[in-house]
Protein backbone atom coordinates (compact mmCIF):
# COMPACT_ATOMS: atom_id res chain seq x y z
CA MET A 1 -75.52 27.95 110.11
CA ALA A 2 -73.83 30.49 107.81
CA SER A 3 -75.59 33.82 107.29
CA ASN A 4 -76.79 34.63 103.77
CA ALA A 5 -73.89 37.06 103.39
CA GLU A 6 -71.46 34.23 104.08
CA LYS A 7 -73.15 31.53 102.05
CA PRO A 8 -71.19 30.91 98.86
CA VAL A 9 -72.44 31.69 95.37
CA ILE A 10 -71.85 29.18 92.60
CA LEU A 11 -70.32 30.76 89.51
CA TRP A 12 -71.22 28.29 86.76
CA PHE A 13 -68.78 28.59 83.86
CA ARG A 14 -69.98 27.41 80.45
CA LYS A 15 -68.93 29.04 77.18
CA ASP A 16 -67.39 31.98 79.04
CA LEU A 17 -64.02 30.59 80.10
CA ARG A 18 -62.50 33.92 81.09
CA LEU A 19 -62.16 36.36 83.97
CA ASP A 20 -62.12 39.49 81.81
CA ASP A 21 -65.46 41.10 80.90
CA ASN A 22 -67.40 38.33 82.60
CA GLN A 23 -70.73 39.72 83.79
CA ALA A 24 -71.64 36.76 85.98
CA LEU A 25 -68.21 36.73 87.62
CA ASN A 26 -68.39 40.46 88.22
CA ALA A 27 -71.82 40.15 89.86
CA ALA A 28 -70.55 37.35 92.11
CA HIS A 29 -67.53 39.49 93.00
CA VAL A 30 -69.67 42.53 93.81
CA SER A 31 -71.84 40.38 96.09
CA ALA A 32 -68.77 40.05 98.36
CA ARG A 33 -69.73 36.43 99.01
CA PRO A 34 -67.30 33.51 98.65
CA ILE A 35 -67.34 32.14 95.10
CA ILE A 36 -67.36 28.50 94.01
CA ALA A 37 -66.11 28.37 90.41
CA LEU A 38 -67.76 25.36 88.74
CA TYR A 39 -67.61 23.76 85.30
CA ILE A 40 -70.00 20.92 84.53
CA ASN A 41 -69.10 18.26 81.99
CA GLU A 42 -72.65 17.79 80.68
CA PRO A 43 -73.65 14.78 78.57
CA ARG A 44 -72.80 15.24 74.91
CA ALA A 45 -76.49 14.86 74.07
CA ALA A 46 -77.15 18.12 75.89
CA GLY A 47 -75.29 19.88 73.09
CA THR A 48 -73.75 22.38 75.46
CA GLY A 49 -70.14 21.21 75.64
CA PRO A 50 -67.66 20.75 72.80
CA LEU A 51 -69.44 20.24 69.49
CA GLY A 52 -66.92 17.70 68.29
CA ALA A 53 -63.56 16.00 68.79
CA ALA A 54 -61.48 19.04 67.79
CA GLN A 55 -63.31 21.21 70.30
CA ALA A 56 -62.79 18.58 73.00
CA TRP A 57 -59.03 19.10 72.54
CA TRP A 58 -59.51 22.85 72.90
CA LEU A 59 -61.78 22.52 75.92
CA HIS A 60 -59.17 20.50 77.81
CA HIS A 61 -56.54 23.19 77.37
CA SER A 62 -58.98 26.05 77.96
CA LEU A 63 -60.17 24.57 81.27
CA ASP A 64 -56.55 23.97 82.24
CA ALA A 65 -55.78 27.63 81.53
CA LEU A 66 -58.81 28.85 83.49
CA GLY A 67 -57.85 26.60 86.40
CA LYS A 68 -54.36 28.14 86.47
CA SER A 69 -55.85 31.65 86.47
CA LEU A 70 -58.00 30.77 89.47
CA ARG A 71 -55.10 29.11 91.29
CA SER A 72 -53.08 32.30 90.86
CA ARG A 73 -55.88 33.93 92.88
CA GLN A 74 -55.72 31.25 95.58
CA GLY A 75 -58.75 29.40 94.22
CA ARG A 76 -59.61 26.33 92.20
CA LEU A 77 -61.98 25.35 89.41
CA VAL A 78 -64.35 22.58 90.47
CA LEU A 79 -64.95 20.02 87.73
CA VAL A 80 -67.96 17.69 87.90
CA SER A 81 -69.61 15.43 85.31
CA GLY A 82 -73.34 14.83 85.00
CA GLU A 83 -76.68 16.38 84.20
CA ALA A 84 -76.40 20.07 85.07
CA LEU A 85 -79.38 20.19 87.43
CA ASP A 86 -78.24 17.10 89.33
CA VAL A 87 -74.71 18.48 89.68
CA LEU A 88 -75.90 21.89 90.85
CA ARG A 89 -78.17 20.34 93.46
CA ALA A 90 -75.31 18.16 94.74
CA VAL A 91 -72.90 21.11 94.96
CA ILE A 92 -75.56 23.20 96.72
CA ARG A 93 -76.11 20.43 99.31
CA GLU A 94 -72.38 19.96 99.90
CA SER A 95 -71.44 23.65 100.05
CA GLY A 96 -74.50 25.35 101.49
CA ALA A 97 -74.61 27.74 98.53
CA ASP A 98 -77.95 29.45 97.96
CA ALA A 99 -77.28 31.24 94.66
CA VAL A 100 -76.12 30.27 91.16
CA PHE A 101 -74.87 32.86 88.66
CA TRP A 102 -74.19 32.17 84.98
CA ASN A 103 -73.82 33.85 81.61
CA ARG A 104 -76.55 33.01 79.15
CA ARG A 105 -76.07 30.62 76.25
CA TYR A 106 -78.23 30.70 73.15
CA ASP A 107 -78.08 27.28 71.51
CA PRO A 108 -81.50 25.56 71.62
CA SER A 109 -80.52 22.72 73.97
CA GLY A 110 -78.63 25.05 76.29
CA LEU A 111 -81.58 27.44 76.45
CA SER A 112 -84.05 24.68 77.34
CA ILE A 113 -81.72 23.27 80.01
CA ASP A 114 -81.25 26.70 81.60
CA VAL A 115 -84.99 27.45 81.70
CA ARG A 116 -85.66 24.17 83.51
CA ILE A 117 -82.78 24.69 85.95
CA GLU A 118 -83.96 28.21 86.78
CA HIS A 119 -87.48 26.91 87.43
CA GLU A 120 -86.37 23.95 89.56
CA LEU A 121 -83.85 25.85 91.68
CA GLU A 122 -86.25 28.65 92.41
CA LYS A 123 -88.64 26.04 93.83
CA GLN A 124 -85.85 25.26 96.31
CA GLU A 125 -85.51 28.99 97.06
CA ILE A 126 -82.11 29.05 95.37
CA GLN A 127 -81.42 32.38 93.71
CA THR A 128 -80.51 32.20 90.01
CA ARG A 129 -79.16 35.13 88.04
CA SER A 130 -78.20 35.07 84.36
CA PHE A 131 -76.25 37.66 82.39
CA GLY A 132 -75.33 38.56 78.82
CA GLY A 133 -71.84 38.57 77.40
CA GLU A 134 -71.60 35.93 74.69
CA LEU A 135 -73.11 38.42 72.23
CA LEU A 136 -73.16 42.19 71.85
CA HIS A 137 -76.96 42.17 72.02
CA GLU A 138 -79.55 39.65 73.12
CA PRO A 139 -80.75 37.81 69.98
CA SER A 140 -84.35 38.66 70.78
CA ARG A 141 -83.67 42.38 71.08
CA LEU A 142 -83.12 43.49 67.49
CA MET A 143 -86.37 43.14 65.55
CA SER A 144 -87.62 44.66 62.31
CA GLY A 145 -90.06 47.57 62.20
CA LYS A 146 -92.83 44.98 61.89
CA GLY A 147 -91.72 43.27 65.08
CA ALA A 148 -90.42 40.24 63.19
CA PRO A 149 -86.94 38.65 63.19
CA TYR A 150 -84.50 39.86 60.56
CA ARG A 151 -84.04 37.52 57.63
CA VAL A 152 -81.48 39.62 55.73
CA TYR A 153 -78.09 40.65 57.05
CA ALA A 154 -77.86 44.23 55.70
CA PRO A 155 -80.88 45.60 57.63
CA PHE A 156 -79.75 43.62 60.68
CA TRP A 157 -76.39 45.38 60.52
CA ARG A 158 -78.09 48.75 60.22
CA ALA A 159 -80.27 47.92 63.24
CA LEU A 160 -77.18 46.93 65.19
CA GLU A 161 -75.56 50.25 64.29
CA ARG A 162 -78.67 52.14 65.38
CA ALA A 163 -78.62 50.29 68.70
CA GLY A 164 -75.48 52.23 69.57
CA GLU A 165 -71.98 51.28 70.56
CA PRO A 166 -71.67 48.39 73.01
CA GLY A 167 -70.80 49.48 76.51
CA PRO A 168 -67.17 49.31 77.63
CA PRO A 169 -66.03 45.84 78.69
CA LEU A 170 -65.37 45.07 82.35
CA ASP A 171 -61.81 44.42 83.45
CA ALA A 172 -61.18 41.28 85.47
CA PRO A 173 -61.34 41.98 89.22
CA ALA A 174 -57.90 42.50 90.73
CA SER A 175 -58.78 39.97 93.41
CA LEU A 176 -61.55 37.45 93.99
CA ARG A 177 -62.98 36.03 97.18
CA LEU A 178 -62.87 32.37 96.23
CA GLU A 179 -64.34 29.75 98.56
CA SER A 180 -61.63 27.66 100.26
CA ARG A 181 -63.88 24.77 101.34
CA LEU A 182 -64.73 23.29 97.97
CA PRO A 183 -66.85 20.35 96.86
CA THR A 184 -65.15 17.27 95.48
CA SER A 185 -63.69 17.89 92.03
CA GLU A 186 -62.84 15.46 89.26
CA ARG A 187 -59.48 15.49 87.52
CA LEU A 188 -59.51 17.09 84.09
CA GLU A 189 -57.45 14.21 82.69
CA SER A 190 -60.20 11.76 83.67
CA TRP A 191 -62.52 13.35 81.13
CA LYS A 192 -60.27 12.08 78.31
CA LEU A 193 -60.87 15.06 76.07
CA LEU A 194 -57.50 14.68 74.34
CA PRO A 195 -56.95 12.21 71.49
CA ALA A 196 -54.75 9.26 72.39
CA LYS A 197 -53.59 6.99 69.59
CA PRO A 198 -53.37 8.24 66.95
CA ASP A 199 -52.83 11.79 68.14
CA TRP A 200 -54.50 13.51 65.20
CA ALA A 201 -54.27 16.86 67.03
CA LYS A 202 -50.47 16.78 67.36
CA GLU A 203 -50.05 19.90 65.16
CA PHE A 204 -52.83 21.97 66.78
CA ALA A 205 -50.45 23.43 69.36
CA ASP A 206 -48.22 24.75 66.55
CA VAL A 207 -51.01 27.21 65.71
CA TRP A 208 -53.16 27.63 68.83
CA MET A 209 -52.79 28.67 72.45
CA PRO A 210 -56.19 27.97 74.04
CA GLY A 211 -57.20 30.06 77.02
CA GLU A 212 -57.87 33.66 77.92
CA GLN A 213 -54.24 34.73 77.64
CA GLY A 214 -53.98 33.18 74.18
CA ALA A 215 -57.10 35.09 73.13
CA GLN A 216 -55.70 38.40 74.33
CA VAL A 217 -52.37 37.79 72.60
CA ARG A 218 -54.18 36.88 69.37
CA LEU A 219 -56.30 40.05 69.53
CA GLY A 220 -53.31 42.28 70.18
CA THR A 221 -51.33 40.76 67.32
CA PHE A 222 -54.22 41.17 64.91
CA ILE A 223 -54.86 44.80 65.84
CA GLU A 224 -51.17 45.66 65.45
CA ASP A 225 -50.28 43.61 62.39
CA ALA A 226 -53.36 42.81 60.30
CA LEU A 227 -56.32 45.13 60.91
CA ASN A 228 -54.77 47.73 58.59
CA GLY A 229 -55.55 46.30 55.14
CA TYR A 230 -58.01 43.74 56.51
CA LYS A 231 -60.78 44.41 53.99
CA GLU A 232 -58.55 43.60 51.02
CA ASN A 233 -56.19 41.01 52.48
CA ARG A 234 -58.66 38.81 54.37
CA ASP A 235 -59.64 36.89 51.22
CA TYR A 236 -56.11 35.57 50.56
CA PRO A 237 -55.52 32.39 52.56
CA ALA A 238 -51.72 32.50 52.31
CA LYS A 239 -51.63 35.89 54.05
CA PRO A 240 -51.74 36.17 57.86
CA ALA A 241 -54.60 38.64 57.49
CA THR A 242 -57.47 37.24 59.57
CA SER A 243 -57.93 37.55 63.32
CA MET A 244 -58.17 33.79 64.03
CA LEU A 245 -60.16 34.73 67.12
CA SER A 246 -63.09 32.47 66.27
CA PRO A 247 -62.20 29.52 68.56
CA HIS A 248 -61.51 31.91 71.43
CA LEU A 249 -64.94 33.43 70.86
CA ALA A 250 -66.56 30.01 70.60
CA PHE A 251 -65.34 29.13 74.10
CA GLY A 252 -65.87 32.59 75.51
CA GLU A 253 -62.19 33.12 76.28
CA ILE A 254 -62.74 36.64 75.01
CA SER A 255 -65.96 38.61 74.70
CA PRO A 256 -67.19 40.27 71.50
CA ALA A 257 -67.39 43.52 73.49
CA ARG A 258 -63.67 43.29 74.28
CA ILE A 259 -62.88 42.72 70.60
CA TRP A 260 -65.14 45.58 69.54
CA ASP A 261 -63.54 47.86 72.12
CA ALA A 262 -60.07 47.08 70.76
CA THR A 263 -61.10 48.62 67.39
CA ARG A 264 -61.98 51.97 68.98
CA GLY A 265 -59.64 54.96 68.73
CA LEU A 266 -57.68 53.63 65.76
CA ALA A 267 -58.85 56.11 63.09
CA GLU A 268 -55.46 57.80 62.81
CA ARG A 269 -53.62 54.66 61.77
CA VAL A 270 -56.27 52.25 60.42
CA PRO A 271 -58.67 53.10 57.56
CA ARG A 272 -62.28 53.19 58.67
CA ALA A 273 -63.18 50.71 55.90
CA ASP A 274 -60.98 48.07 57.54
CA ILE A 275 -62.47 48.65 60.98
CA VAL A 276 -66.05 48.51 59.68
CA HIS A 277 -65.38 45.38 57.64
CA PHE A 278 -63.94 43.61 60.68
CA ARG A 279 -66.84 44.73 62.85
CA LYS A 280 -69.22 43.35 60.25
CA GLU A 281 -67.64 39.95 60.78
CA ILE A 282 -68.46 40.20 64.47
CA ALA A 283 -71.97 41.28 63.48
CA TRP A 284 -72.34 38.24 61.18
CA ARG A 285 -71.89 36.08 64.27
CA GLU A 286 -74.61 38.13 65.98
CA PHE A 287 -76.86 37.63 62.94
CA SER A 288 -76.24 33.89 63.00
CA TYR A 289 -77.35 33.69 66.63
CA HIS A 290 -80.35 35.86 65.80
CA LEU A 291 -81.31 33.25 63.18
CA LEU A 292 -80.67 30.30 65.50
CA PHE A 293 -82.68 31.87 68.31
CA HIS A 294 -85.71 32.34 66.06
CA PHE A 295 -85.18 29.13 64.04
CA PRO A 296 -83.77 26.54 66.49
CA LYS A 297 -83.55 23.83 63.81
CA LEU A 298 -81.07 25.84 61.72
CA ALA A 299 -78.53 22.99 61.73
CA SER A 300 -80.97 20.28 60.71
CA GLU A 301 -83.69 21.79 58.51
CA ASN A 302 -83.68 24.04 55.47
CA TRP A 303 -84.61 27.61 56.37
CA ASN A 304 -86.15 27.77 52.90
CA GLY A 305 -88.50 24.81 52.78
CA ARG A 306 -88.40 24.74 48.99
CA PHE A 307 -85.05 22.97 49.28
CA ASP A 308 -86.71 20.05 51.06
CA GLY A 309 -87.42 18.59 47.64
CA PHE A 310 -83.85 18.98 46.34
CA GLU A 311 -82.49 15.74 44.89
CA TRP A 312 -79.07 15.20 46.48
CA HIS A 313 -76.57 12.77 44.96
CA ASN A 314 -74.91 11.90 48.33
CA SER A 315 -72.10 9.65 47.06
CA GLY A 316 -70.22 8.14 50.00
CA GLU A 317 -67.09 7.75 47.88
CA ASP A 318 -67.15 11.43 46.84
CA PHE A 319 -67.76 12.53 50.40
CA GLU A 320 -64.76 10.54 51.60
CA ALA A 321 -62.54 12.10 48.91
CA TRP A 322 -63.72 15.54 50.00
CA ARG A 323 -63.10 14.83 53.69
CA ARG A 324 -59.58 13.57 53.02
CA GLY A 325 -58.61 16.37 50.63
CA LYS A 326 -58.32 14.04 47.65
CA THR A 327 -60.70 15.65 45.15
CA GLY A 328 -58.12 16.59 42.51
CA TYR A 329 -58.91 20.30 42.92
CA PRO A 330 -55.91 21.78 44.79
CA ILE A 331 -57.62 24.69 46.61
CA VAL A 332 -60.33 22.34 47.88
CA ASP A 333 -57.80 19.73 48.96
CA ALA A 334 -55.60 22.33 50.66
CA GLY A 335 -58.53 23.60 52.68
CA MET A 336 -59.66 20.17 53.81
CA ARG A 337 -56.12 19.20 54.80
CA GLN A 338 -55.63 22.47 56.70
CA LEU A 339 -58.83 21.60 58.55
CA TRP A 340 -57.51 18.18 59.53
CA ARG A 341 -54.03 19.40 60.51
CA HIS A 342 -54.95 22.52 62.44
CA GLY A 343 -58.67 22.26 63.23
CA TRP A 344 -59.37 25.42 61.29
CA MET A 345 -59.78 26.68 57.74
CA HIS A 346 -59.52 30.11 56.16
CA ASN A 347 -62.97 31.65 55.66
CA ARG A 348 -62.68 32.16 51.88
CA VAL A 349 -61.64 28.54 51.53
CA ARG A 350 -64.54 27.40 53.72
CA MET A 351 -66.89 28.88 51.13
CA ILE A 352 -65.00 27.20 48.29
CA VAL A 353 -64.98 23.72 49.84
CA ALA A 354 -68.61 24.06 50.91
CA SER A 355 -69.72 25.11 47.44
CA PHE A 356 -67.76 22.19 45.97
CA LEU A 357 -69.43 19.67 48.30
CA VAL A 358 -72.96 20.97 47.84
CA LYS A 359 -72.92 21.97 44.18
CA ASP A 360 -70.15 20.04 42.42
CA LEU A 361 -70.70 16.81 44.35
CA MET A 362 -74.37 17.46 45.20
CA ILE A 363 -73.99 16.19 48.74
CA ASP A 364 -76.45 17.46 51.36
CA TRP A 365 -75.12 20.51 53.20
CA ARG A 366 -75.96 18.81 56.51
CA SER A 367 -73.18 16.26 55.89
CA GLY A 368 -70.68 19.09 55.52
CA GLU A 369 -72.05 20.90 58.57
CA ALA A 370 -71.62 17.74 60.66
CA TRP A 371 -68.02 17.22 59.47
CA PHE A 372 -67.09 20.82 60.25
CA ARG A 373 -68.77 20.54 63.65
CA ASP A 374 -66.53 17.59 64.50
CA THR A 375 -63.25 18.91 63.08
CA LEU A 376 -63.28 22.68 63.67
CA VAL A 377 -61.86 24.08 66.89
CA ASP A 378 -64.13 27.09 66.31
CA ALA A 379 -67.28 25.03 65.68
CA ASP A 380 -70.24 27.16 66.63
CA PRO A 381 -73.89 26.07 66.58
CA ALA A 382 -75.03 29.31 64.96
CA ASN A 383 -72.15 30.27 62.66
CA ASN A 384 -71.58 26.76 61.34
CA ALA A 385 -75.22 26.12 60.45
CA ALA A 386 -75.84 29.62 59.06
CA GLY A 387 -72.67 29.44 56.95
CA TRP A 388 -73.57 26.10 55.39
CA GLN A 389 -77.13 27.17 54.66
CA TRP A 390 -75.77 30.41 53.16
CA VAL A 391 -73.59 28.49 50.70
CA ALA A 392 -76.31 25.94 49.94
CA GLY A 393 -78.76 28.69 49.08
CA SER A 394 -81.30 27.33 51.54
CA GLY A 395 -80.72 29.80 54.37
CA ALA A 396 -81.73 33.31 55.34
CA ASP A 397 -80.14 35.96 53.11
CA ALA A 398 -78.35 33.10 51.37
CA SER A 399 -76.07 33.21 48.39
CA PRO A 400 -78.21 32.12 45.41
CA PHE A 401 -77.82 28.42 44.66
CA PHE A 402 -76.83 29.25 41.10
CA ARG A 403 -73.76 31.08 42.42
CA ILE A 404 -71.39 28.14 42.03
CA PHE A 405 -67.73 28.72 42.83
CA ASN A 406 -65.29 27.53 40.19
CA PRO A 407 -62.56 25.95 42.35
CA VAL A 408 -59.87 26.58 39.74
CA LEU A 409 -60.66 30.27 39.25
CA GLN A 410 -61.11 30.77 42.99
CA GLY A 411 -57.66 29.30 43.56
CA GLU A 412 -56.05 31.39 40.85
CA THR A 413 -57.71 34.57 42.14
CA PHE A 414 -57.03 34.21 45.85
CA ASP A 415 -53.89 32.04 45.86
CA PRO A 416 -52.24 33.25 42.64
CA GLU A 417 -48.75 31.93 43.39
CA GLY A 418 -50.05 28.74 44.96
CA ASP A 419 -48.42 29.41 48.35
CA TYR A 420 -51.44 28.16 50.28
CA VAL A 421 -51.73 25.01 48.16
CA ARG A 422 -48.02 24.25 48.47
CA THR A 423 -48.29 24.50 52.27
CA TYR A 424 -51.04 21.90 52.59
CA VAL A 425 -50.68 19.79 49.45
CA PRO A 426 -46.94 19.07 49.44
CA GLU A 427 -47.13 16.64 46.51
CA LEU A 428 -47.79 19.69 44.31
CA ARG A 429 -45.07 21.83 45.85
CA ALA A 430 -42.74 21.71 42.84
CA LEU A 431 -45.45 22.52 40.28
CA GLU A 432 -45.13 25.92 38.63
CA ALA A 433 -47.70 28.56 39.51
CA LYS A 434 -49.29 28.45 36.05
CA TYR A 435 -50.59 24.94 36.73
CA ILE A 436 -50.75 24.80 40.52
CA HIS A 437 -54.56 25.09 40.49
CA ARG A 438 -55.07 22.99 37.36
CA PRO A 439 -52.53 20.14 37.44
CA PHE A 440 -54.89 18.08 35.27
CA GLU A 441 -54.14 20.51 32.40
CA ALA A 442 -50.35 20.53 32.86
CA PRO A 443 -48.26 19.05 30.04
CA LYS A 444 -46.65 15.71 30.73
CA ARG A 445 -43.19 17.31 30.83
CA VAL A 446 -44.25 19.82 33.48
CA LEU A 447 -45.76 17.08 35.63
CA GLU A 448 -42.66 14.90 35.29
CA GLU A 449 -40.39 17.78 36.31
CA ALA A 450 -42.54 18.32 39.40
CA GLY A 451 -42.52 14.61 40.23
CA ILE A 452 -46.27 14.29 39.81
CA VAL A 453 -48.13 11.29 38.41
CA LEU A 454 -51.82 12.12 38.22
CA GLY A 455 -53.93 9.34 39.64
CA GLU A 456 -50.98 8.10 41.72
CA THR A 457 -49.12 10.85 43.58
CA TYR A 458 -52.06 13.26 43.26
CA PRO A 459 -55.64 12.37 42.27
CA LYS A 460 -57.30 13.25 39.04
CA PRO A 461 -60.44 15.40 39.51
CA ILE A 462 -63.26 13.28 40.92
CA VAL A 463 -65.77 15.35 38.95
CA ASP A 464 -65.69 17.65 35.92
CA HIS A 465 -66.62 21.10 37.22
CA ALA A 466 -68.45 22.25 34.10
CA GLY A 467 -70.56 19.09 33.93
CA ALA A 468 -71.17 19.14 37.69
CA ARG A 469 -72.31 22.75 37.48
CA ASN A 470 -74.88 21.90 34.82
CA ARG A 471 -76.12 18.94 36.88
CA ALA A 472 -76.55 21.14 39.97
CA LEU A 473 -78.38 23.86 38.04
CA ALA A 474 -80.75 21.27 36.56
CA ALA A 475 -81.57 19.97 40.05
CA TYR A 476 -82.16 23.52 41.27
CA LYS A 477 -84.40 24.27 38.28
CA ALA A 478 -86.51 21.24 39.20
CA ILE A 479 -87.35 22.60 42.66
CA SER A 480 -87.68 26.15 41.31
CA ASN A 481 -90.38 24.93 38.92
CA GLY A 482 -92.05 23.02 41.70
CA GLY A 483 -91.41 19.70 40.05
């Protein structure tokens, strides 16, 4: 019988697919006990794996990258499918492990699963230890002076600032004592996370390199090339001005503390305004998890119950046109096609397409949230839900419903030469900049020269923005008046 010091510890990877700044891994390493690195393919209903098909693609490549990192340290990642508690019990029986370490997750289903597992394993005298790391601060930690959750971002940010700088991130251990006698592992390919025919993700690899190394490369490139000027440039989708770290964060391939740390000591070459603005984006993710922790139904119910009586139009035909990028509004169509091609969309454009769906088409924000969840590689249970409720006006600290983006003016302001539209809506590529965001107003000669036939090569607008705006405001007035 192995002594306790020789019994292995199970390191249960979840949304922390990295060796760097991994608190649970570090604790297992410090224990000096052999480590079994485990990833459990939980049932989709558990809500703890990939949120949709695009994330399944990412997860495959991220697990492959993590497996290679462990093999370089003479170890292996054990892959097992099933209910988490059942899998853990089976691995414990087969390996003789008497401890399970993990980093905490904060989505409602993940939280409930972890509480039950902790309770059940402790009854078997199996040690369980959980650690932070997905967020800068535990979502229950920052509370208002009245002891209540924050409902507005600005005071939450101030509270986060008062909480002090996050501690320095932990470097990955130079070596790991990985258990050599491992439980039976499934083959990653057997999980069928990648699309087959058609391969709708065939262009994802042109943009993304999933895995911890890809995250570190992305962070380094952003700090060197784009952080300076970030505050001004981040709103222009044709500029390479955003970090594009969101999918790496969603899978825990990099920690927010590591990102925060990378912005330290840059005052001599990067304006403070750019650093603060970028840090506020990290803090918005923290705020979103704060909301989700205190309002677990953020993705399915209006934060502001007054919107429960809102009269949605919910046209299936309009929703399909929006999903396919065939609305007749170029900036909206470019965004939706970027989403389909690359599993990602520029943040400014996310707000534009969301406003168009909710307010121009009057389709329930939950339909948009579900589509994003399935098609975004950076789908996140907190950010996605909080973002959609923000645009819809139904969320905490939300943009007022009557703030309705004009898709033409938004395009002309943030994509003035039409470079973004030309990239993703090639049928408009030859149209001059004056009309690139309003092809429906272009003279016949201009359209003919660009090879465009409205209604054939490019759709006419599916809705008149001015009329749609009035319709949305009337519906909002009805719930505002209580009628």
